[in-house]
Amino acid sequence: MPELPEVETIRRGLAEKVLHKTIERVEVRCSRIILHPQPPELERALAHQTIKE
């Protein structure tokens, strides 16, 4: 599905900076907006993951 042009522009810009980088840690600052998984689970699941396309 083609993306909106402005969304694709942002995606490309972010890809240049973060693609293939490793997430060191995650901190959920507003836990009310994260319903599932619970914020501590999300933080653990994302930490040390590599960003892929």
Protein backbone atom coordinates (compact mmCIF):
# COMPACT_ATOMS: atom_id res chain seq x y z
CA MET A 1 0.00 0.00 0.00
CA PRO A 2 1.52 3.35 -0.96
CA GLU A 3 2.11 5.74 1.89
CA LEU A 4 1.21 9.40 1.98
CA PRO A 5 4.12 11.42 0.57
CA GLU A 6 4.79 13.28 3.83
CA VAL A 7 4.74 10.04 5.84
CA GLU A 8 7.19 8.46 3.41
CA THR A 9 9.48 11.50 3.70
CA ILE A 10 9.55 11.16 7.49
CA ARG A 11 10.11 7.40 7.23
CA ARG A 12 13.11 7.87 4.96
CA GLY A 13 14.60 10.55 7.19
CA LEU A 14 14.25 8.36 10.26
CA ALA A 15 15.63 5.33 8.44
CA GLU A 16 18.86 7.20 7.73
CA LYS A 17 19.31 7.83 11.45
CA VAL A 18 17.99 4.70 13.16
CA LEU A 19 17.99 1.75 10.76
CA HIS A 20 20.11 -1.14 12.10
CA LYS A 21 20.67 0.64 15.43
CA THR A 22 20.03 -1.08 18.75
CA ILE A 23 17.55 0.28 21.27
CA GLU A 24 19.44 0.61 24.54
CA ARG A 25 16.45 1.12 26.82
CA VAL A 26 12.83 2.24 26.76
CA GLU A 27 11.06 4.41 29.30
CA VAL A 28 7.27 4.74 29.19
CA ARG A 29 6.51 8.13 30.68
CA CYS A 30 2.73 8.12 30.35
CA SER A 31 1.55 4.61 31.12
CA ARG A 32 -2.13 5.53 30.64
CA ILE A 33 -1.74 5.44 26.86
CA ILE A 34 -0.22 1.95 26.75
CA LEU A 35 -2.86 -0.69 27.38
CA HIS A 36 -1.21 -3.85 26.11
CA PRO A 37 1.40 -4.97 26.79
CA GLN A 38 1.79 -3.38 30.19
CA PRO A 39 4.49 -0.67 30.21
CA PRO A 40 7.12 -2.73 32.08
CA GLU A 41 6.62 -5.60 29.62
CA LEU A 42 6.89 -3.23 26.66
CA GLU A 43 10.08 -1.70 28.05
CA ARG A 44 11.66 -5.13 28.49
CA ALA A 45 10.49 -6.37 25.08
CA LEU A 46 11.93 -3.40 23.17
CA ALA A 47 15.22 -3.03 25.02
CA HIS A 48 18.20 -4.43 23.09
CA GLN A 49 16.19 -4.91 19.89
CA THR A 50 17.59 -3.85 16.52
CA ILE A 51 15.54 -1.56 14.30
CA LYS A 52 14.80 -3.23 10.96
CA GLU A 53 12.90 -2.19 7.86
